[in-house]
C-alpha cells in the first residue's frame, strides 16, 4: 500500500466518520445540559423544602433558597451555567409545586 493509498483511505474514513462524531458530540452536550438542569431542579426543591418552615419572610426565604442553590452549583463546578433569573425562576417553580402538593 502506497502513501497515496493510505492518505486516500484516511481521508475517506474521516469523511465517513465526521457526521457520526458530530452527532455523538451533540448528543453528549445535550445529555450533559439535561443532567445539569435536573440537578438544578432537584436542588431548588430541596432548598424550598428546607426553608418552608423557617421564620424568615418570603423575600428572605427566596434569597436563602437562591443562595443555597448557588452554593450547590459552585460545589459541583457549575457556576455560571445558570443566570440569577433562572435560579429565581426555578425557586418560584419549586414553591408553586410545593403549594400545589399541599392542597
PDB file of N, CA and C in Angstrom:
ATOM      1  N   UNK A   1       0.865  -1.160   0.000  1.00  0.00           N
ATOM      2  CA  UNK A   1       0.000   0.000   0.000  1.00  0.00           C
ATOM      3  C   UNK A   1       0.914   1.227   0.000  1.00  0.00           C
ATOM      4  N   UNK A   2       0.657   2.118  -0.906  1.00  0.00           N
ATOM      5  CA  UNK A   2       1.496   3.312  -1.026  1.00  0.00           C
ATOM      6  C   UNK A   2       0.991   4.404  -0.101  1.00  0.00           C
ATOM      7  N   UNK A   3       1.797   5.436   0.032  1.00  0.00           N
ATOM      8  CA  UNK A   3       1.423   6.575   0.866  1.00  0.00           C
ATOM      9  C   UNK A   3       0.148   7.228   0.341  1.00  0.00           C
ATOM     10  N   UNK A   4       0.011   7.307  -0.962  1.00  0.00           N
ATOM     11  CA  UNK A   4      -1.191   7.890  -1.564  1.00  0.00           C
ATOM     12  C   UNK A   4      -2.430   7.081  -1.184  1.00  0.00           C
ATOM     13  N   UNK A   5      -2.306   5.753  -1.241  1.00  0.00           N
ATOM     14  CA  UNK A   5      -3.434   4.893  -0.869  1.00  0.00           C
ATOM     15  C   UNK A   5      -3.822   5.092   0.599  1.00  0.00           C
ATOM     16  N   UNK A   6      -2.817   5.200   1.455  1.00  0.00           N
ATOM     17  CA  UNK A   6      -3.073   5.404   2.882  1.00  0.00           C
ATOM     18  C   UNK A   6      -3.775   6.740   3.107  1.00  0.00           C
ATOM     19  N   UNK A   7      -3.314   7.784   2.434  1.00  0.00           N
ATOM     20  CA  UNK A   7      -3.933   9.104   2.578  1.00  0.00           C
ATOM     21  C   UNK A   7      -5.368   9.112   2.064  1.00  0.00           C
ATOM     22  N   UNK A   8      -5.604   8.442   0.951  1.00  0.00           N
ATOM     23  CA  UNK A   8      -6.965   8.359   0.405  1.00  0.00           C
ATOM     24  C   UNK A   8      -7.869   7.591   1.367  1.00  0.00           C
ATOM     25  N   UNK A   9      -7.371   6.485   1.899  1.00  0.00           N
ATOM     26  CA  UNK A   9      -8.149   5.693   2.848  1.00  0.00           C
ATOM     27  C   UNK A   9      -8.450   6.499   4.112  1.00  0.00           C
ATOM     28  N   UNK A  10      -7.455   7.188   4.632  1.00  0.00           N
ATOM     29  CA  UNK A  10      -7.649   8.002   5.835  1.00  0.00           C
ATOM     30  C   UNK A  10      -8.651   9.119   5.573  1.00  0.00           C
ATOM     31  N   UNK A  11      -8.552   9.767   4.432  1.00  0.00           N
ATOM     32  CA  UNK A  11      -9.495  10.834   4.080  1.00  0.00           C
ATOM     33  C   UNK A  11     -10.911  10.311   3.944  1.00  0.00           C
ATOM     34  N   UNK A  12     -11.055   9.154   3.331  1.00  0.00           N
ATOM     35  CA  UNK A  12     -12.371   8.545   3.164  1.00  0.00           C
ATOM     36  C   UNK A  12     -12.984   8.193   4.520  1.00  0.00           C
ATOM     37  N   UNK A  13     -12.178   7.592   5.389  1.00  0.00           N
ATOM     38  CA  UNK A  13     -12.679   7.251   6.724  1.00  0.00           C
ATOM     39  C   UNK A  13     -13.058   8.496   7.509  1.00  0.00           C
ATOM     40  N   UNK A  14     -12.279   9.545   7.355  1.00  0.00           N
ATOM     41  CA  UNK A  14     -12.573  10.794   8.049  1.00  0.00           C
ATOM     42  C   UNK A  14     -13.899  11.379   7.581  1.00  0.00           C
ATOM     43  N   UNK A  15     -14.132  11.359   6.288  1.00  0.00           N
ATOM     44  CA  UNK A  15     -15.383  11.894   5.737  1.00  0.00           C
ATOM     45  C   UNK A  15     -16.577  11.060   6.198  1.00  0.00           C
ATOM     46  N   UNK A  16     -16.393   9.765   6.280  1.00  0.00           N
ATOM     47  CA  UNK A  16     -17.481   8.885   6.712  1.00  0.00           C
ATOM     48  C   UNK A  16     -17.753   9.047   8.207  1.00  0.00           C
ATOM     49  N   UNK A  17     -16.712   9.167   9.010  1.00  0.00           N
ATOM     50  CA  UNK A  17     -16.864   9.209  10.466  1.00  0.00           C
ATOM     51  C   UNK A  17     -17.257  10.583  10.998  1.00  0.00           C
ATOM     52  N   UNK A  18     -16.979  11.645  10.264  1.00  0.00           N
ATOM     53  CA  UNK A  18     -17.230  13.003  10.769  1.00  0.00           C
ATOM     54  C   UNK A  18     -18.689  13.240  11.164  1.00  0.00           C
ATOM     55  N   UNK A  19     -19.672  12.880  10.345  1.00  0.00           N
ATOM     56  CA  UNK A  19     -21.062  13.115  10.769  1.00  0.00           C
ATOM     57  C   UNK A  19     -21.444  12.335  12.031  1.00  0.00           C
ATOM     58  N   UNK A  20     -20.959  11.119  12.153  1.00  0.00           N
ATOM     59  CA  UNK A  20     -21.257  10.327  13.348  1.00  0.00           C
ATOM     60  C   UNK A  20     -20.613  10.956  14.578  1.00  0.00           C
ATOM     61  N   UNK A  21     -19.391  11.436  14.422  1.00  0.00           N
ATOM     62  CA  UNK A  21     -18.709  12.091  15.544  1.00  0.00           C
ATOM     63  C   UNK A  21     -19.444  13.365  15.945  1.00  0.00           C
ATOM     64  N   UNK A  22     -19.882  14.128  14.962  1.00  0.00           N
ATOM     65  CA  UNK A  22     -20.625  15.363  15.237  1.00  0.00           C
ATOM     66  C   UNK A  22     -21.924  15.043  15.988  1.00  0.00           C
ATOM     67  N   UNK A  23     -22.626  14.021  15.548  1.00  0.00           N
ATOM     68  CA  UNK A  23     -23.873  13.628  16.214  1.00  0.00           C
ATOM     69  C   UNK A  23     -23.604  13.172  17.646  1.00  0.00           C
ATOM     70  N   UNK A  24     -22.526  12.444  17.858  1.00  0.00           N
ATOM     71  CA  UNK A  24     -22.174  11.984  19.202  1.00  0.00           C
ATOM     72  C   UNK A  24     -21.860  13.163  20.120  1.00  0.00           C
ATOM     73  N   UNK A  25     -21.119  14.129  19.623  1.00  0.00           N
ATOM     74  CA  UNK A  25     -20.780  15.311  20.422  1.00  0.00           C
ATOM     75  C   UNK A  25     -22.046  16.080  20.783  1.00  0.00           C
ATOM     76  N   UNK A  26     -22.948  16.261  19.831  1.00  0.00           N
ATOM     77  CA  UNK A  26     -24.208  16.961  20.103  1.00  0.00           C
ATOM     78  C   UNK A  26     -25.036  16.210  21.139  1.00  0.00           C
ATOM     79  N   UNK A  27     -25.100  14.888  21.019  1.00  0.00           N
ATOM     80  CA  UNK A  27     -25.866  14.077  21.969  1.00  0.00           C
ATOM     81  C   UNK A  27     -25.278  14.195  23.371  1.00  0.00           C
ATOM     82  N   UNK A  28     -23.953  14.111  23.489  1.00  0.00           N
ATOM     83  CA  UNK A  28     -23.303  14.232  24.798  1.00  0.00           C
ATOM     84  C   UNK A  28     -23.537  15.605  25.408  1.00  0.00           C
ATOM     85  N   UNK A  29     -23.460  16.643  24.586  1.00  0.00           N
ATOM     86  CA  UNK A  29     -23.691  18.003  25.076  1.00  0.00           C
ATOM     87  C   UNK A  29     -25.126  18.149  25.586  1.00  0.00           C
ATOM     88  N   UNK A  30     -26.089  17.619  24.846  1.00  0.00           N
ATOM     89  CA  UNK A  30     -27.491  17.683  25.256  1.00  0.00           C
ATOM     90  C   UNK A  30     -27.717  16.895  26.543  1.00  0.00           C
ATOM     91  N   UNK A  31     -27.130  15.715  26.628  1.00  0.00           N
ATOM     92  CA  UNK A  31     -27.278  14.885  27.829  1.00  0.00           C
ATOM     93  C   UNK A  31     -26.697  15.595  29.046  1.00  0.00           C
ATOM     94  N   UNK A  32     -25.568  16.248  28.875  1.00  0.00           N
ATOM     95  CA  UNK A  32     -24.942  16.983  29.975  1.00  0.00           C
ATOM     96  C   UNK A  32     -25.819  18.147  30.411  1.00  0.00           C
ATOM     97  N   UNK A  33     -26.350  18.898  29.446  1.00  0.00           N
ATOM     98  CA  UNK A  33     -27.219  20.031  29.789  1.00  0.00           C
ATOM     99  C   UNK A  33     -28.473  19.556  30.512  1.00  0.00           C
ATOM    100  N   UNK A  34     -29.059  18.465  30.037  1.00  0.00           N
ATOM    101  CA  UNK A  34     -30.251  17.925  30.698  1.00  0.00           C
ATOM    102  C   UNK A  34     -29.930  17.473  32.118  1.00  0.00           C
ATOM    103  N   UNK A  35     -28.787  16.848  32.296  1.00  0.00           N
ATOM    104  CA  UNK A  35     -28.371  16.418  33.632  1.00  0.00           C
ATOM    105  C   UNK A  35     -28.171  17.597  34.569  1.00  0.00           C
ATOM    106  N   UNK A  36     -27.545  18.658  34.057  1.00  0.00           N
ATOM    107  CA  UNK A  36     -27.335  19.859  34.869  1.00  0.00           C
ATOM    108  C   UNK A  36     -28.664  20.494  35.260  1.00  0.00           C
ATOM    109  N   UNK A  37     -29.607  20.521  34.329  1.00  0.00           N
ATOM    110  CA  UNK A  37     -30.917  21.093  34.618  1.00  0.00           C
ATOM    111  C   UNK A  37     -31.657  20.264  35.666  1.00  0.00           C
ATOM    112  N   UNK A  38     -31.554  18.950  35.576  1.00  0.00           N
ATOM    113  CA  UNK A  38     -32.191  18.089  36.576  1.00  0.00           C
ATOM    114  C   UNK A  38     -31.594  18.318  37.962  1.00  0.00           C
ATOM    115  N   UNK A  39     -30.277  18.496  38.022  1.00  0.00           N
ATOM    116  CA  UNK A  39     -29.639  18.813  39.306  1.00  0.00           C
ATOM    117  C   UNK A  39     -30.170  20.128  39.856  1.00  0.00           C
ATOM    118  N   UNK A  40     -30.258  21.138  39.001  1.00  0.00           N
ATOM    119  CA  UNK A  40     -30.756  22.447  39.422  1.00  0.00           C
ATOM    120  C   UNK A  40     -32.167  22.333  39.992  1.00  0.00           C
ATOM    121  N   UNK A  41     -33.036  21.627  39.304  1.00  0.00           N
ATOM    122  CA  UNK A  41     -34.416  21.481  39.766  1.00  0.00           C
ATOM    123  C   UNK A  41     -34.487  20.718  41.091  1.00  0.00           C
ATOM    124  N   UNK A  42     -33.669  19.699  41.234  1.00  0.00           N
ATOM    125  CA  UNK A  42     -33.630  18.933  42.487  1.00  0.00           C
ATOM    126  C   UNK A  42     -33.169  19.810  43.637  1.00  0.00           C
ATOM    127  N   UNK A  43     -32.115  20.587  43.415  1.00  0.00           N
ATOM    128  CA  UNK A  43     -31.600  21.460  44.471  1.00  0.00           C
ATOM    129  C   UNK A  43     -32.589  22.558  44.824  1.00  0.00           C
ATOM    130  N   UNK A  44     -33.329  23.048  43.839  1.00  0.00           N
ATOM    131  CA  UNK A  44     -34.355  24.060  44.123  1.00  0.00           C
ATOM    132  C   UNK A  44     -35.446  23.459  45.005  1.00  0.00           C
ATOM    133  N   UNK A  45     -35.875  22.250  44.686  1.00  0.00           N
ATOM    134  CA  UNK A  45     -36.879  21.569  45.517  1.00  0.00           C
ATOM    135  C   UNK A  45     -36.364  21.369  46.940  1.00  0.00           C
ATOM    136  N   UNK A  46     -35.105  20.971  47.068  1.00  0.00           N
ATOM    137  CA  UNK A  46     -34.515  20.779  48.394  1.00  0.00           C
ATOM    138  C   UNK A  46     -34.477  22.087  49.171  1.00  0.00           C
ATOM    139  N   UNK A  47     -34.059  23.155  48.515  1.00  0.00           N
ATOM    140  CA  UNK A  47     -33.949  24.457  49.185  1.00  0.00           C
ATOM    141  C   UNK A  47     -35.306  24.923  49.683  1.00  0.00           C
ATOM    142  N   UNK A  48     -36.323  24.801  48.850  1.00  0.00           N
ATOM    143  CA  UNK A  48     -37.665  25.238  49.232  1.00  0.00           C
ATOM    144  C   UNK A  48     -38.188  24.385  50.385  1.00  0.00           C
ATOM    145  N   UNK A  49     -37.971  23.088  50.320  1.00  0.00           N
ATOM    146  CA  UNK A  49     -38.425  22.205  51.398  1.00  0.00           C
ATOM    147  C   UNK A  49     -37.709  22.523  52.713  1.00  0.00           C
ATOM    148  N   UNK A  50     -36.422  22.811  52.645  1.00  0.00           N
ATOM    149  CA  UNK A  50     -35.663  23.134  53.860  1.00  0.00           C
ATOM    150  C   UNK A  50     -36.127  24.435  54.501  1.00  0.00           C
ATOM    151  N   UNK A  51     -36.480  25.410  53.668  1.00  0.00           N
ATOM    152  CA  UNK A  51     -36.822  26.738  54.176  1.00  0.00           C
ATOM    153  C   UNK A  51     -38.316  26.936  54.411  1.00  0.00           C
ATOM    154  N   UNK A  52     -39.114  25.952  54.053  1.00  0.00           N
ATOM    155  CA  UNK A  52     -40.568  26.085  54.139  1.00  0.00           C
ATOM    156  C   UNK A  52     -41.029  26.500  55.535  1.00  0.00           C
ATOM    157  N   UNK A  53     -40.505  25.895  56.545  1.00  0.00           N
ATOM    158  CA  UNK A  53     -40.978  26.129  57.911  1.00  0.00           C
ATOM    159  C   UNK A  53     -40.151  27.169  58.673  1.00  0.00           C
ATOM    160  N   UNK A  54     -39.248  27.851  57.983  1.00  0.00           N
ATOM    161  CA  UNK A  54     -38.415  28.841  58.679  1.00  0.00           C
ATOM    162  C   UNK A  54     -39.236  30.087  59.014  1.00  0.00           C
ATOM    163  N   UNK A  55     -38.719  30.883  59.917  1.00  0.00           N
ATOM    164  CA  UNK A  55     -39.402  32.102  60.358  1.00  0.00           C
ATOM    165  C   UNK A  55     -39.099  33.301  59.463  1.00  0.00           C
ATOM    166  N   UNK A  56     -38.350  33.101  58.419  1.00  0.00           N
ATOM    167  CA  UNK A  56     -37.983  34.203  57.528  1.00  0.00           C
ATOM    168  C   UNK A  56     -39.189  34.667  56.723  1.00  0.00           C
ATOM    169  N   UNK A  57     -39.121  35.911  56.247  1.00  0.00           N
ATOM    170  CA  UNK A  57     -40.162  36.430  55.363  1.00  0.00           C
ATOM    171  C   UNK A  57     -40.004  35.846  53.969  1.00  0.00           C
ATOM    172  N   UNK A  58     -40.990  36.073  53.124  1.00  0.00           N
ATOM    173  CA  UNK A  58     -40.998  35.498  51.779  1.00  0.00           C
ATOM    174  C   UNK A  58     -39.773  35.842  50.948  1.00  0.00           C
ATOM    175  N   UNK A  59     -39.415  37.135  50.915  1.00  0.00           N
ATOM    176  CA  UNK A  59     -38.264  37.562  50.122  1.00  0.00           C
ATOM    177  C   UNK A  59     -36.966  36.988  50.686  1.00  0.00           C
ATOM    178  N   UNK A  60     -36.886  36.922  52.017  1.00  0.00           N
ATOM    179  CA  UNK A  60     -35.686  36.364  52.651  1.00  0.00           C
ATOM    180  C   UNK A  60     -35.570  34.862  52.386  1.00  0.00           C
ATOM    181  N   UNK A  61     -36.705  34.181  52.440  1.00  0.00           N
ATOM    182  CA  UNK A  61     -36.699  32.746  52.138  1.00  0.00           C
ATOM    183  C   UNK A  61     -36.217  32.507  50.710  1.00  0.00           C
ATOM    184  N   UNK A  62     -36.750  33.321  49.799  1.00  0.00           N
ATOM    185  CA  UNK A  62     -36.376  33.148  48.398  1.00  0.00           C
ATOM    186  C   UNK A  62     -34.882  33.386  48.218  1.00  0.00           C
ATOM    187  N   UNK A  63     -34.353  34.434  48.838  1.00  0.00           N
ATOM    188  CA  UNK A  63     -32.925  34.729  48.700  1.00  0.00           C
ATOM    189  C   UNK A  63     -32.078  33.616  49.312  1.00  0.00           C
ATOM    190  N   UNK A  64     -32.511  33.094  50.449  1.00  0.00           N
ATOM    191  CA  UNK A  64     -31.796  31.975  51.075  1.00  0.00           C
ATOM    192  C   UNK A  64     -31.810  30.749  50.156  1.00  0.00           C
ATOM    193  N   UNK A  65     -32.950  30.510  49.521  1.00  0.00           N
ATOM    194  CA  UNK A  65     -33.062  29.372  48.604  1.00  0.00           C
ATOM    195  C   UNK A  65     -32.151  29.562  47.396  1.00  0.00           C
ATOM    196  N   UNK A  66     -32.138  30.777  46.839  1.00  0.00           N
ATOM    197  CA  UNK A  66     -31.257  31.072  45.705  1.00  0.00           C
ATOM    198  C   UNK A  66     -29.800  30.881  46.124  1.00  0.00           C
ATOM    199  N   UNK A  67     -29.445  31.369  47.304  1.00  0.00           N
ATOM    200  CA  UNK A  67     -28.075  31.215  47.804  1.00  0.00           C
ATOM    201  C   UNK A  67     -27.707  29.738  47.984  1.00  0.00           C
ATOM    202  N   UNK A  68     -28.651  28.957  48.500  1.00  0.00           N
ATOM    203  CA  UNK A  68     -28.427  27.520  48.690  1.00  0.00           C
ATOM    204  C   UNK A  68     -28.139  26.847  47.346  1.00  0.00           C
ATOM    205  N   UNK A  69     -28.971  27.151  46.359  1.00  0.00           N
ATOM    206  CA  UNK A  69     -28.792  26.545  45.037  1.00  0.00           C
ATOM    207  C   UNK A  69     -27.472  27.010  44.423  1.00  0.00           C
ATOM    208  N   UNK A  70     -27.153  28.294  44.554  1.00  0.00           N
ATOM    209  CA  UNK A  70     -25.895  28.816  44.010  1.00  0.00           C
ATOM    210  C   UNK A  70     -24.691  28.131  44.660  1.00  0.00           C
ATOM    211  N   UNK A  71     -24.792  27.861  45.949  1.00  0.00           N
ATOM    212  CA  UNK A  71     -23.715  27.161  46.656  1.00  0.00           C
ATOM    213  C   UNK A  71     -23.554  25.742  46.126  1.00  0.00           C
ATOM    214  N   UNK A  72     -24.675  25.067  45.905  1.00  0.00           N
ATOM    215  CA  UNK A  72     -24.620  23.706  45.352  1.00  0.00           C
ATOM    216  C   UNK A  72     -24.034  23.710  43.942  1.00  0.00           C
ATOM    217  N   UNK A  73     -24.420  24.707  43.139  1.00  0.00           N
ATOM    218  CA  UNK A  73     -23.861  24.816  41.791  1.00  0.00           C
ATOM    219  C   UNK A  73     -22.347  25.008  41.854  1.00  0.00           C
ATOM    220  N   UNK A  74     -21.906  25.898  42.735  1.00  0.00           N
ATOM    221  CA  UNK A  74     -20.468  26.162  42.868  1.00  0.00           C
ATOM    222  C   UNK A  74     -19.719  24.914  43.333  1.00  0.00           C
ATOM    223  N   UNK A  75     -20.308  24.187  44.266  1.00  0.00           N
ATOM    224  CA  UNK A  75     -19.661  22.978  44.785  1.00  0.00           C
ATOM    225  C   UNK A  75     -19.512  21.903  43.713  1.00  0.00           C
ATOM    226  N   UNK A  76     -20.359  21.973  42.702  1.00  0.00           N
ATOM    227  CA  UNK A  76     -20.318  20.993  41.616  1.00  0.00           C
ATOM    228  C   UNK A  76     -19.728  21.559  40.331  1.00  0.00           C
ATOM    229  N   UNK A  77     -19.022  22.682  40.472  1.00  0.00           N
ATOM    230  CA  UNK A  77     -18.337  23.333  39.348  1.00  0.00           C
ATOM    231  C   UNK A  77     -19.294  23.679  38.207  1.00  0.00           C
ATOM    232  N   UNK A  78     -20.478  24.144  38.575  1.00  0.00           N
ATOM    233  CA  UNK A  78     -21.477  24.547  37.586  1.00  0.00           C
ATOM    234  C   UNK A  78     -21.763  26.046  37.662  1.00  0.00           C
ATOM    235  N   UNK A  79     -20.884  26.790  38.331  1.00  0.00           N
ATOM    236  CA  UNK A  79     -21.058  28.239  38.440  1.00  0.00           C
ATOM    237  C   UNK A  79     -21.065  28.844  37.039  1.00  0.00           C
ATOM    238  N   UNK A  80     -22.006  29.729  36.804  1.00  0.00           N
ATOM    239  CA  UNK A  80     -22.095  30.400  35.511  1.00  0.00           C
ATOM    240  C   UNK A  80     -22.935  29.674  34.482  1.00  0.00           C
ATOM    241  N   UNK A  81     -23.373  28.484  34.792  1.00  0.00           N
ATOM    242  CA  UNK A  81     -24.206  27.733  33.843  1.00  0.00           C
ATOM    243  C   UNK A  81     -25.644  28.242  33.836  1.00  0.00           C
ATOM    244  N   UNK A  82     -26.061  28.888  34.939  1.00  0.00           N
ATOM    245  CA  UNK A  82     -27.422  29.398  35.066  1.00  0.00           C
ATOM    246  C   UNK A  82     -27.365  30.831  35.580  1.00  0.00           C
ATOM    247  N   UNK A  83     -28.243  31.673  35.061  1.00  0.00           N
ATOM    248  CA  UNK A  83     -28.290  33.078  35.486  1.00  0.00           C
ATOM    249  C   UNK A  83     -29.062  33.208  36.799  1.00  0.00           C
ATOM    250  N   UNK A  84     -28.945  34.375  37.431  1.00  0.00           N
ATOM    251  CA  UNK A  84     -29.708  34.646  38.656  1.00  0.00           C
ATOM    252  C   UNK A  84     -31.210  34.585  38.371  1.00  0.00           C
ATOM    253  N   UNK A  85     -31.613  35.039  37.188  1.00  0.00           N
ATOM    254  CA  UNK A  85     -33.029  34.989  36.814  1.00  0.00           C
ATOM    255  C   UNK A  85     -33.508  33.540  36.725  1.00  0.00           C
ATOM    256  N   UNK A  86     -32.668  32.673  36.183  1.00  0.00           N
ATOM    257  CA  UNK A  86     -33.043  31.264  36.091  1.00  0.00           C
ATOM    258  C   UNK A  86     -33.135  30.629  37.478  1.00  0.00           C
ATOM    259  N   UNK A  87     -32.194  30.979  38.351  1.00  0.00           N
ATOM    260  CA  UNK A  87     -32.248  30.453  39.720  1.00  0.00           C
ATOM    261  C   UNK A  87     -33.522  30.911  40.413  1.00  0.00           C
ATOM    262  N   UNK A  88     -33.843  32.183  40.258  1.00  0.00           N
ATOM    263  CA  UNK A  88     -35.057  32.724  40.857  1.00  0.00           C
ATOM    264  C   UNK A  88     -36.298  32.014  40.312  1.00  0.00           C
ATOM    265  N   UNK A  89     -36.309  31.780  39.012  1.00  0.00           N
ATOM    266  CA  UNK A  89     -37.463  31.133  38.382  1.00  0.00           C
ATOM    267  C   UNK A  89     -37.649  29.699  38.873  1.00  0.00           C
ATOM    268  N   UNK A  90     -36.556  28.946  39.024  1.00  0.00           N
ATOM    269  CA  UNK A  90     -36.725  27.561  39.482  1.00  0.00           C
ATOM    270  C   UNK A  90     -37.136  27.512  40.952  1.00  0.00           C
ATOM    271  N   UNK A  91     -36.718  28.499  41.737  1.00  0.00           N
ATOM    272  CA  UNK A  91     -37.172  28.568  43.133  1.00  0.00           C
ATOM    273  C   UNK A  91     -38.672  28.840  43.162  1.00  0.00           C
ATOM    274  N   UNK A  92     -39.130  29.792  42.357  1.00  0.00           N
ATOM    275  CA  UNK A  92     -40.565  30.089  42.297  1.00  0.00           C
ATOM    276  C   UNK A  92     -41.354  28.879  41.817  1.00  0.00           C
ATOM    277  N   UNK A  93     -40.802  28.161  40.857  1.00  0.00           N
ATOM    278  CA  UNK A  93     -41.460  26.953  40.360  1.00  0.00           C
ATOM    279  C   UNK A  93     -41.547  25.903  41.469  1.00  0.00           C
ATOM    280  N   UNK A  94     -40.485  25.750  42.238  1.00  0.00           N
ATOM    281  CA  UNK A  94     -40.484  24.776  43.340  1.00  0.00           C
ATOM    282  C   UNK A  94     -41.495  25.160  44.414  1.00  0.00           C
ATOM    283  N   UNK A  95     -41.616  26.459  44.698  1.00  0.00           N
ATOM    284  CA  UNK A  95     -42.606  26.930  45.678  1.00  0.00           C
ATOM    285  C   UNK A  95     -44.013  26.634  45.172  1.00  0.00           C
ATOM    286  N   UNK A  96     -44.265  26.931  43.908  1.00  0.00           N
ATOM    287  CA  UNK A  96     -45.586  26.673  43.328  1.00  0.00           C
ATOM    288  C   UNK A  96     -45.920  25.181  43.387  1.00  0.00           C
ATOM    289  N   UNK A  97     -44.942  24.340  43.086  1.00  0.00           N
ATOM    290  CA  UNK A  97     -45.163  22.894  43.132  1.00  0.00           C
ATOM    291  C   UNK A  97     -45.444  22.428  44.558  1.00  0.00           C
ATOM    292  N   UNK A  98     -44.703  22.960  45.516  1.00  0.00           N
ATOM    293  CA  UNK A  98     -44.914  22.593  46.920  1.00  0.00           C
ATOM    294  C   UNK A  98     -46.306  23.018  47.382  1.00  0.00           C
ATOM    295  N   UNK A  99     -46.716  24.233  47.004  1.00  0.00           N
ATOM    296  CA  UNK A  99     -48.053  24.720  47.373  1.00  0.00           C
ATOM    297  C   UNK A  99     -49.148  23.878  46.722  1.00  0.00           C
ATOM    298  N   UNK A 100     -48.917  23.471  45.489  1.00  0.00           N
ATOM    299  CA  UNK A 100     -49.888  22.644  44.772  1.00  0.00           C
ATOM    300  C   UNK A 100     -50.038  21.281  45.455  1.00  0.00           C
ATOM    301  N   UNK A 101     -48.922  20.710  45.880  1.00  0.00           N
ATOM    302  CA  UNK A 101     -48.954  19.403  46.540  1.00  0.00           C
ATOM    303  C   UNK A 101     -49.582  19.485  47.925  1.00  0.00           C
ATOM    304  N   UNK A 102     -49.484  20.654  48.568  1.00  0.00           N
ATOM    305  CA  UNK A 102     -50.030  20.830  49.916  1.00  0.00           C
ATOM    306  C   UNK A 102     -51.554  20.914  49.904  1.00  0.00           C
ATOM    307  N   UNK A 103     -52.123  21.248  48.778  1.00  0.00           N
ATOM    308  CA  UNK A 103     -53.591  21.394  48.688  1.00  0.00           C
ATOM    309  C   UNK A 103     -54.292  20.080  48.578  1.00  0.00           C
TER     310      UNK A 103
END
